[in-house]
């Protein structure tokens, strides 16, 4: 029911580079807002790594008034779930405000493609692409399996957060 939950969508890699068409679940978000639900899509750097985007998630959560009575859910799409998990690890005080994390087609453990092409991407990451800021150049490096598996092993997930995963 409207007012029963707040939802922050965490978009995936290159989201800002493709404009409105890259905004995850745009039509669903519009419909939920029409029905009175509080849903926002975070603006993250599409070519930045998880550390940079985790800091941006923290920055956005600091702007929200705390509302302990209304649960807050993060929905991470693709790389967005890695950004959200990094946020939960690196900002435990703000992470206390999160009640649930939903991964949609998330690359929780990293990506074999990132493992294979991280070196190639880093060689070209500084290239200027119209409408697609370079960010910190860590997009692909932050999606490697060794990095993500190590982070998950070394940083237990907050136990107060409920976790859900939807494959796609």
N, C-alpha and C. Protein backbone atom coordinates (compact mmCIF):
# COMPACT_ATOMS: atom_id res chain seq x y z
N UNK A 1 0.84 -1.19 0.00
CA UNK A 1 0.00 0.00 0.00
C UNK A 1 0.88 1.25 0.00
N UNK A 2 0.44 2.32 -0.63
CA UNK A 2 1.24 3.54 -0.69
C UNK A 2 1.66 4.02 0.70
N UNK A 3 2.90 4.48 0.79
CA UNK A 3 3.43 4.96 2.06
C UNK A 3 3.99 3.88 2.93
N UNK A 4 3.87 2.60 2.50
CA UNK A 4 4.32 1.50 3.34
C UNK A 4 5.79 1.15 3.14
N UNK A 5 6.40 1.71 2.09
CA UNK A 5 7.80 1.41 1.81
C UNK A 5 8.40 2.52 0.95
N UNK A 6 9.69 2.76 1.14
CA UNK A 6 10.44 3.66 0.27
C UNK A 6 11.40 2.80 -0.55
N UNK A 7 11.52 3.10 -1.84
CA UNK A 7 12.34 2.30 -2.72
C UNK A 7 13.36 3.19 -3.43
N UNK A 8 14.63 2.80 -3.33
CA UNK A 8 15.70 3.46 -4.09
C UNK A 8 16.24 2.47 -5.10
N UNK A 9 16.15 2.82 -6.38
CA UNK A 9 16.69 1.98 -7.43
C UNK A 9 18.14 2.36 -7.68
N UNK A 10 19.00 1.36 -7.73
CA UNK A 10 20.42 1.57 -7.97
C UNK A 10 20.72 1.00 -9.37
N UNK A 11 20.90 1.89 -10.37
CA UNK A 11 21.07 1.43 -11.75
C UNK A 11 22.40 0.74 -11.98
N UNK A 12 22.50 0.07 -13.12
CA UNK A 12 23.69 -0.68 -13.46
C UNK A 12 24.73 0.12 -14.22
N UNK A 13 25.71 -0.60 -14.73
CA UNK A 13 26.82 0.00 -15.47
C UNK A 13 26.32 0.74 -16.70
N UNK A 14 26.94 1.85 -16.97
CA UNK A 14 26.68 2.67 -18.15
C UNK A 14 25.28 3.27 -18.19
N UNK A 15 24.55 3.20 -17.09
CA UNK A 15 23.18 3.71 -17.06
C UNK A 15 23.07 5.16 -17.46
N UNK A 16 23.96 6.01 -16.98
CA UNK A 16 23.86 7.43 -17.31
C UNK A 16 24.24 7.68 -18.77
N UNK A 17 24.87 6.71 -19.41
CA UNK A 17 25.34 6.89 -20.78
C UNK A 17 24.26 6.68 -21.83
N UNK A 18 23.18 6.06 -21.45
CA UNK A 18 22.12 5.76 -22.42
C UNK A 18 20.84 6.51 -22.13
N UNK A 19 20.91 7.44 -21.20
CA UNK A 19 19.77 8.31 -20.92
C UNK A 19 18.57 7.58 -20.35
N UNK A 20 17.41 8.10 -20.67
CA UNK A 20 16.17 7.57 -20.12
C UNK A 20 15.96 6.10 -20.44
N UNK A 21 16.43 5.66 -21.61
CA UNK A 21 16.24 4.26 -21.99
C UNK A 21 17.05 3.33 -21.08
N UNK A 22 18.07 3.83 -20.40
CA UNK A 22 18.87 3.02 -19.50
C UNK A 22 18.38 3.01 -18.07
N UNK A 23 17.35 3.78 -17.79
CA UNK A 23 16.81 3.84 -16.43
C UNK A 23 16.03 2.56 -16.15
N UNK A 24 16.47 1.77 -15.17
CA UNK A 24 15.81 0.49 -14.94
C UNK A 24 14.36 0.67 -14.48
N UNK A 25 13.51 -0.12 -15.06
CA UNK A 25 12.11 -0.21 -14.62
C UNK A 25 11.36 1.12 -14.70
N UNK A 26 11.70 1.94 -15.68
CA UNK A 26 11.15 3.29 -15.79
C UNK A 26 9.62 3.30 -15.78
N UNK A 27 9.01 2.45 -16.60
CA UNK A 27 7.54 2.44 -16.65
C UNK A 27 6.94 1.96 -15.34
N UNK A 28 7.57 0.98 -14.72
CA UNK A 28 7.09 0.51 -13.43
C UNK A 28 7.20 1.57 -12.36
N UNK A 29 8.30 2.32 -12.40
CA UNK A 29 8.50 3.41 -11.44
C UNK A 29 7.41 4.46 -11.62
N UNK A 30 7.15 4.83 -12.86
CA UNK A 30 6.10 5.82 -13.14
C UNK A 30 4.75 5.35 -12.60
N UNK A 31 4.44 4.10 -12.83
CA UNK A 31 3.14 3.56 -12.37
C UNK A 31 3.06 3.54 -10.84
N UNK A 32 4.13 3.12 -10.19
CA UNK A 32 4.13 3.09 -8.72
C UNK A 32 3.97 4.49 -8.15
N UNK A 33 4.61 5.47 -8.77
CA UNK A 33 4.46 6.85 -8.31
C UNK A 33 3.02 7.33 -8.49
N UNK A 34 2.41 6.97 -9.62
CA UNK A 34 1.00 7.33 -9.85
C UNK A 34 0.11 6.77 -8.74
N UNK A 35 0.47 5.59 -8.24
CA UNK A 35 -0.30 4.94 -7.18
C UNK A 35 0.03 5.47 -5.80
N UNK A 36 1.01 6.38 -5.72
CA UNK A 36 1.34 7.00 -4.44
C UNK A 36 2.55 6.43 -3.72
N UNK A 37 3.28 5.54 -4.37
CA UNK A 37 4.47 4.97 -3.74
C UNK A 37 5.65 5.92 -3.89
N UNK A 38 6.57 5.87 -2.93
CA UNK A 38 7.79 6.67 -2.96
C UNK A 38 8.88 5.81 -3.60
N UNK A 39 9.26 6.16 -4.82
CA UNK A 39 10.28 5.43 -5.56
C UNK A 39 11.20 6.45 -6.23
N UNK A 40 12.49 6.29 -6.05
CA UNK A 40 13.48 7.17 -6.68
C UNK A 40 14.56 6.32 -7.33
N UNK A 41 15.10 6.81 -8.43
CA UNK A 41 16.24 6.18 -9.08
C UNK A 41 17.46 7.04 -8.81
N UNK A 42 18.48 6.43 -8.25
CA UNK A 42 19.71 7.15 -7.96
C UNK A 42 20.46 7.48 -9.25
N UNK A 43 21.11 8.62 -9.26
CA UNK A 43 21.95 8.99 -10.39
C UNK A 43 23.40 8.67 -10.03
N UNK A 44 23.89 7.58 -10.59
CA UNK A 44 25.26 7.16 -10.32
C UNK A 44 26.10 7.33 -11.58
N UNK A 45 27.39 7.25 -11.40
CA UNK A 45 28.30 7.36 -12.54
C UNK A 45 28.39 6.00 -13.24
N UNK A 46 27.94 5.96 -14.47
CA UNK A 46 27.87 4.71 -15.21
C UNK A 46 29.20 4.05 -15.50
N UNK A 47 30.28 4.84 -15.54
CA UNK A 47 31.60 4.27 -15.83
C UNK A 47 32.50 4.26 -14.60
N UNK A 48 31.94 4.47 -13.43
CA UNK A 48 32.73 4.44 -12.19
C UNK A 48 32.61 3.09 -11.51
N UNK A 49 33.55 2.83 -10.63
CA UNK A 49 33.56 1.59 -9.88
C UNK A 49 32.63 1.61 -8.69
N UNK A 50 32.60 0.51 -7.99
CA UNK A 50 31.67 0.35 -6.87
C UNK A 50 32.01 1.27 -5.69
N UNK A 51 33.28 1.55 -5.45
CA UNK A 51 33.63 2.43 -4.33
C UNK A 51 33.06 3.83 -4.54
N UNK A 52 33.25 4.37 -5.75
CA UNK A 52 32.74 5.71 -6.06
C UNK A 52 31.21 5.73 -5.97
N UNK A 53 30.57 4.73 -6.53
CA UNK A 53 29.11 4.72 -6.50
C UNK A 53 28.56 4.45 -5.11
N UNK A 54 29.27 3.67 -4.30
CA UNK A 54 28.84 3.48 -2.91
C UNK A 54 28.85 4.81 -2.17
N UNK A 55 29.86 5.63 -2.43
CA UNK A 55 29.92 6.96 -1.81
C UNK A 55 28.75 7.82 -2.27
N UNK A 56 28.35 7.67 -3.52
CA UNK A 56 27.21 8.43 -4.03
C UNK A 56 25.89 7.95 -3.40
N UNK A 57 25.77 6.65 -3.18
CA UNK A 57 24.58 6.13 -2.50
C UNK A 57 24.53 6.72 -1.09
N UNK A 58 25.65 6.72 -0.40
CA UNK A 58 25.71 7.29 0.95
C UNK A 58 25.31 8.76 0.94
N UNK A 59 25.81 9.49 -0.03
CA UNK A 59 25.49 10.92 -0.17
C UNK A 59 23.98 11.11 -0.33
N UNK A 60 23.36 10.28 -1.14
CA UNK A 60 21.91 10.41 -1.37
C UNK A 60 21.12 10.02 -0.11
N UNK A 61 21.57 8.99 0.60
CA UNK A 61 20.86 8.59 1.82
C UNK A 61 20.97 9.66 2.90
N UNK A 62 22.09 10.37 2.94
CA UNK A 62 22.23 11.46 3.91
C UNK A 62 21.21 12.57 3.66
N UNK A 63 20.80 12.73 2.42
CA UNK A 63 19.82 13.77 2.07
C UNK A 63 18.39 13.39 2.47
N UNK A 64 18.13 12.11 2.62
CA UNK A 64 16.79 11.65 2.98
C UNK A 64 16.55 11.81 4.47
N UNK A 65 15.39 12.33 4.83
CA UNK A 65 15.09 12.37 6.26
C UNK A 65 14.93 10.95 6.80
N UNK A 66 15.53 10.66 7.95
CA UNK A 66 15.37 9.32 8.52
C UNK A 66 13.89 9.08 8.85
N UNK A 67 13.42 7.92 8.50
CA UNK A 67 12.03 7.56 8.77
C UNK A 67 12.02 6.09 9.18
N UNK A 68 12.23 5.84 10.45
CA UNK A 68 12.32 4.47 10.94
C UNK A 68 11.01 3.72 10.78
N UNK A 69 9.90 4.45 10.66
CA UNK A 69 8.60 3.79 10.55
C UNK A 69 8.33 3.25 9.15
N UNK A 70 9.03 3.77 8.15
CA UNK A 70 8.80 3.32 6.78
C UNK A 70 10.03 2.60 6.28
N UNK A 71 9.91 1.30 5.97
CA UNK A 71 11.07 0.54 5.51
C UNK A 71 11.66 1.11 4.23
N UNK A 72 12.99 0.98 4.10
CA UNK A 72 13.71 1.44 2.93
C UNK A 72 14.31 0.23 2.23
N UNK A 73 13.99 0.07 0.95
CA UNK A 73 14.54 -1.03 0.16
C UNK A 73 15.41 -0.46 -0.95
N UNK A 74 16.57 -1.07 -1.13
CA UNK A 74 17.42 -0.78 -2.27
C UNK A 74 17.19 -1.88 -3.30
N UNK A 75 17.00 -1.49 -4.55
CA UNK A 75 16.88 -2.47 -5.62
C UNK A 75 18.05 -2.23 -6.56
N UNK A 76 18.99 -3.17 -6.57
CA UNK A 76 20.18 -3.05 -7.39
C UNK A 76 20.02 -3.81 -8.68
N UNK A 77 20.12 -3.10 -9.79
CA UNK A 77 20.02 -3.72 -11.09
C UNK A 77 21.43 -3.97 -11.65
N UNK A 78 21.73 -5.22 -11.99
CA UNK A 78 23.01 -5.61 -12.57
C UNK A 78 24.16 -5.14 -11.67
N UNK A 79 25.05 -4.27 -12.15
CA UNK A 79 26.17 -3.79 -11.32
C UNK A 79 25.68 -2.96 -10.14
N UNK A 80 24.46 -2.46 -10.22
CA UNK A 80 23.91 -1.68 -9.12
C UNK A 80 23.90 -2.45 -7.81
N UNK A 81 23.75 -3.77 -7.87
CA UNK A 81 23.77 -4.55 -6.63
C UNK A 81 25.18 -4.55 -6.04
N UNK A 82 26.21 -4.56 -6.87
CA UNK A 82 27.58 -4.49 -6.37
C UNK A 82 27.82 -3.14 -5.70
N UNK A 83 27.31 -2.07 -6.32
CA UNK A 83 27.42 -0.75 -5.71
C UNK A 83 26.71 -0.72 -4.36
N UNK A 84 25.51 -1.32 -4.30
CA UNK A 84 24.74 -1.34 -3.05
C UNK A 84 25.43 -2.18 -1.98
N UNK A 85 25.97 -3.34 -2.35
CA UNK A 85 26.69 -4.18 -1.38
C UNK A 85 27.92 -3.46 -0.85
N UNK A 86 28.63 -2.77 -1.72
CA UNK A 86 29.80 -2.00 -1.28
C UNK A 86 29.37 -0.89 -0.32
N UNK A 87 28.26 -0.25 -0.64
CA UNK A 87 27.70 0.76 0.27
C UNK A 87 27.43 0.16 1.64
N UNK A 88 26.77 -1.00 1.70
CA UNK A 88 26.44 -1.63 2.98
C UNK A 88 27.70 -1.93 3.79
N UNK A 89 28.79 -2.34 3.11
CA UNK A 89 30.05 -2.64 3.80
C UNK A 89 30.74 -1.38 4.30
N UNK A 90 30.79 -0.35 3.45
CA UNK A 90 31.61 0.82 3.73
C UNK A 90 30.92 1.90 4.57
N UNK A 91 29.61 1.85 4.66
CA UNK A 91 28.87 2.89 5.39
C UNK A 91 27.88 2.25 6.36
N UNK A 92 28.40 1.54 7.37
CA UNK A 92 27.51 0.79 8.28
C UNK A 92 26.49 1.67 9.01
N UNK A 93 26.85 2.90 9.35
CA UNK A 93 25.88 3.76 10.05
C UNK A 93 24.68 4.06 9.16
N UNK A 94 24.94 4.38 7.91
CA UNK A 94 23.83 4.63 6.97
C UNK A 94 23.14 3.34 6.57
N UNK A 95 23.88 2.24 6.52
CA UNK A 95 23.30 0.95 6.15
C UNK A 95 22.22 0.53 7.15
N UNK A 96 22.27 1.03 8.36
CA UNK A 96 21.23 0.70 9.36
C UNK A 96 19.85 1.16 8.92
N UNK A 97 19.81 2.12 8.00
CA UNK A 97 18.52 2.64 7.51
C UNK A 97 17.90 1.73 6.46
N UNK A 98 18.67 0.77 5.94
CA UNK A 98 18.20 -0.10 4.86
C UNK A 98 17.58 -1.36 5.46
N UNK A 99 16.36 -1.66 5.01
CA UNK A 99 15.67 -2.86 5.49
C UNK A 99 15.82 -4.05 4.56
N UNK A 100 16.00 -3.78 3.25
CA UNK A 100 16.09 -4.87 2.28
C UNK A 100 16.95 -4.45 1.10
N UNK A 101 17.60 -5.45 0.51
CA UNK A 101 18.33 -5.26 -0.73
C UNK A 101 17.84 -6.33 -1.70
N UNK A 102 17.38 -5.88 -2.85
CA UNK A 102 16.91 -6.79 -3.89
C UNK A 102 17.87 -6.70 -5.06
N UNK A 103 18.42 -7.83 -5.46
CA UNK A 103 19.29 -7.90 -6.61
C UNK A 103 18.46 -8.35 -7.81
N UNK A 104 18.49 -7.56 -8.88
CA UNK A 104 17.79 -7.94 -10.11
C UNK A 104 18.85 -8.12 -11.19
N UNK A 105 19.01 -9.36 -11.63
CA UNK A 105 20.05 -9.70 -12.61
C UNK A 105 21.40 -9.19 -12.14
N UNK A 106 21.66 -9.32 -10.85
CA UNK A 106 22.86 -8.77 -10.24
C UNK A 106 24.10 -9.62 -10.45
N UNK A 107 25.22 -8.95 -10.48
CA UNK A 107 26.52 -9.62 -10.63
C UNK A 107 27.20 -9.69 -9.27
N UNK A 108 26.52 -10.26 -8.31
CA UNK A 108 26.96 -10.28 -6.92
C UNK A 108 28.39 -10.79 -6.78
N UNK A 109 28.71 -11.89 -7.41
CA UNK A 109 30.05 -12.48 -7.30
C UNK A 109 31.04 -11.92 -8.31
N UNK A 110 30.63 -10.96 -9.11
CA UNK A 110 31.48 -10.44 -10.16
C UNK A 110 31.12 -11.09 -11.49
N UNK A 111 31.93 -10.82 -12.48
CA UNK A 111 31.64 -11.28 -13.84
C UNK A 111 32.88 -11.87 -14.50
N UNK A 112 32.74 -13.05 -15.12
CA UNK A 112 33.86 -13.61 -15.87
C UNK A 112 34.31 -12.68 -17.01
N UNK A 113 33.38 -11.92 -17.57
CA UNK A 113 33.75 -10.97 -18.63
C UNK A 113 34.66 -9.88 -18.08
N UNK A 114 34.37 -9.42 -16.87
CA UNK A 114 35.24 -8.41 -16.25
C UNK A 114 36.62 -8.99 -16.00
N UNK A 115 36.67 -10.24 -15.55
CA UNK A 115 37.98 -10.88 -15.33
C UNK A 115 38.79 -10.89 -16.62
N UNK A 116 38.13 -11.20 -17.68
CA UNK A 116 38.81 -11.36 -18.97
C UNK A 116 39.24 -10.03 -19.59
N UNK A 117 38.41 -8.99 -19.43
CA UNK A 117 38.64 -7.75 -20.18
C UNK A 117 39.00 -6.54 -19.32
N UNK A 118 39.27 -6.73 -18.04
CA UNK A 118 39.60 -5.59 -17.17
C UNK A 118 40.82 -4.83 -17.68
N UNK A 119 41.86 -5.53 -18.11
CA UNK A 119 43.06 -4.87 -18.60
C UNK A 119 42.79 -4.08 -19.86
N UNK A 120 42.04 -4.66 -20.77
CA UNK A 120 41.70 -3.97 -22.01
C UNK A 120 40.87 -2.73 -21.73
N UNK A 121 39.88 -2.87 -20.83
CA UNK A 121 39.03 -1.72 -20.51
C UNK A 121 39.85 -0.60 -19.87
N UNK A 122 40.75 -0.95 -18.96
CA UNK A 122 41.53 0.09 -18.28
C UNK A 122 42.39 0.86 -19.28
N UNK A 123 42.83 0.22 -20.35
CA UNK A 123 43.63 0.90 -21.37
C UNK A 123 42.81 1.96 -22.10
N UNK A 124 41.49 1.76 -22.18
CA UNK A 124 40.63 2.68 -22.93
C UNK A 124 39.65 3.45 -22.04
N UNK A 125 39.71 3.25 -20.73
CA UNK A 125 38.69 3.83 -19.84
C UNK A 125 38.69 5.36 -19.81
N UNK A 126 39.79 5.97 -20.15
CA UNK A 126 39.86 7.43 -20.11
C UNK A 126 39.38 8.10 -21.39
N UNK A 127 39.00 7.31 -22.38
CA UNK A 127 38.54 7.89 -23.64
C UNK A 127 37.30 8.73 -23.43
N UNK A 128 37.24 9.80 -24.16
CA UNK A 128 36.08 10.67 -24.10
C UNK A 128 34.96 10.07 -24.95
N UNK A 129 33.81 9.90 -24.35
CA UNK A 129 32.64 9.39 -25.05
C UNK A 129 31.51 10.40 -24.84
N UNK A 130 31.01 11.01 -25.91
CA UNK A 130 29.96 12.02 -25.75
C UNK A 130 28.76 11.48 -24.94
N UNK A 131 28.36 12.25 -23.94
CA UNK A 131 27.22 11.87 -23.12
C UNK A 131 27.49 10.77 -22.12
N UNK A 132 28.75 10.41 -21.95
CA UNK A 132 29.11 9.30 -21.06
C UNK A 132 30.41 9.64 -20.33
N UNK A 133 30.29 10.39 -19.20
CA UNK A 133 31.49 10.80 -18.46
C UNK A 133 32.36 9.61 -18.07
N UNK A 134 33.67 9.83 -18.06
CA UNK A 134 34.63 8.76 -17.79
C UNK A 134 34.53 8.19 -16.38
N UNK A 135 34.04 8.96 -15.43
CA UNK A 135 33.99 8.47 -14.05
C UNK A 135 35.39 8.21 -13.53
N UNK A 136 35.53 7.25 -12.64
CA UNK A 136 36.85 6.98 -12.05
C UNK A 136 37.64 5.91 -12.81
N UNK A 137 37.07 5.38 -13.89
CA UNK A 137 37.77 4.38 -14.69
C UNK A 137 37.77 2.98 -14.10
N UNK A 138 37.06 2.77 -13.02
CA UNK A 138 37.09 1.48 -12.32
C UNK A 138 35.88 0.58 -12.59
N UNK A 139 35.09 0.92 -13.59
CA UNK A 139 33.87 0.16 -13.88
C UNK A 139 34.15 -1.34 -13.97
N UNK A 140 34.98 -1.75 -14.89
CA UNK A 140 35.20 -3.18 -15.12
C UNK A 140 36.03 -3.80 -13.99
N UNK A 141 37.04 -3.09 -13.51
CA UNK A 141 37.87 -3.63 -12.42
C UNK A 141 37.03 -3.94 -11.19
N UNK A 142 35.99 -3.12 -10.94
CA UNK A 142 35.14 -3.35 -9.76
C UNK A 142 34.19 -4.51 -9.94
N UNK A 143 34.13 -5.08 -11.13
CA UNK A 143 33.26 -6.23 -11.38
C UNK A 143 34.01 -7.55 -11.49
N UNK A 144 35.31 -7.55 -11.20
CA UNK A 144 36.05 -8.81 -11.30
C UNK A 144 35.64 -9.75 -10.17
N UNK A 145 35.68 -11.04 -10.48
CA UNK A 145 35.29 -12.03 -9.47
C UNK A 145 36.22 -12.05 -8.25
N UNK A 146 37.55 -12.02 -8.44
CA UNK A 146 38.40 -12.04 -7.24
C UNK A 146 38.09 -10.91 -6.27
N UNK A 147 37.88 -9.70 -6.79
CA UNK A 147 37.57 -8.56 -5.92
C UNK A 147 36.24 -8.77 -5.20
N UNK A 148 35.20 -9.14 -5.92
CA UNK A 148 33.89 -9.29 -5.30
C UNK A 148 33.82 -10.45 -4.33
N UNK A 149 34.43 -11.57 -4.68
CA UNK A 149 34.43 -12.71 -3.76
C UNK A 149 35.22 -12.40 -2.50
N UNK A 150 36.34 -11.68 -2.65
CA UNK A 150 37.13 -11.29 -1.47
C UNK A 150 36.32 -10.35 -0.58
N UNK A 151 35.66 -9.36 -1.18
CA UNK A 151 34.87 -8.42 -0.40
C UNK A 151 33.75 -9.13 0.36
N UNK A 152 33.10 -10.06 -0.31
CA UNK A 152 32.01 -10.79 0.36
C UNK A 152 32.56 -11.65 1.50
N UNK A 153 33.72 -12.25 1.31
CA UNK A 153 34.31 -13.09 2.35
C UNK A 153 34.80 -12.27 3.54
N UNK A 154 35.34 -11.09 3.26
CA UNK A 154 35.93 -10.27 4.32
C UNK A 154 34.94 -9.35 5.02
N UNK A 155 33.80 -9.14 4.42
CA UNK A 155 32.82 -8.18 4.96
C UNK A 155 31.47 -8.85 5.10
N UNK A 156 31.18 -9.43 6.26
CA UNK A 156 29.88 -10.07 6.43
C UNK A 156 28.75 -9.08 6.15
N UNK A 157 27.72 -9.57 5.51
CA UNK A 157 26.58 -8.71 5.21
C UNK A 157 25.86 -8.32 6.50
N UNK A 158 25.37 -7.09 6.57
CA UNK A 158 24.60 -6.70 7.76
C UNK A 158 23.43 -7.65 7.97
N UNK A 159 23.27 -8.12 9.19
CA UNK A 159 22.24 -9.12 9.46
C UNK A 159 20.84 -8.53 9.55
N UNK A 160 20.71 -7.23 9.74
CA UNK A 160 19.37 -6.64 9.84
C UNK A 160 18.72 -6.44 8.47
N UNK A 161 19.52 -6.52 7.40
CA UNK A 161 19.00 -6.33 6.05
C UNK A 161 18.50 -7.68 5.52
N UNK A 162 17.31 -7.65 4.88
CA UNK A 162 16.81 -8.85 4.21
C UNK A 162 17.29 -8.81 2.77
N UNK A 163 17.74 -9.96 2.25
CA UNK A 163 18.31 -10.03 0.92
C UNK A 163 17.47 -10.90 0.01
N UNK A 164 17.27 -10.41 -1.22
CA UNK A 164 16.49 -11.11 -2.22
C UNK A 164 17.24 -11.03 -3.54
N UNK A 165 17.07 -12.04 -4.37
CA UNK A 165 17.75 -12.05 -5.66
C UNK A 165 16.80 -12.56 -6.74
N UNK A 166 16.69 -11.78 -7.82
CA UNK A 166 15.90 -12.19 -8.97
C UNK A 166 16.84 -12.34 -10.15
N UNK A 167 16.89 -13.54 -10.71
CA UNK A 167 17.69 -13.74 -11.91
C UNK A 167 16.91 -13.30 -13.13
N UNK A 168 17.61 -12.93 -14.16
CA UNK A 168 16.91 -12.52 -15.38
C UNK A 168 17.71 -12.92 -16.58
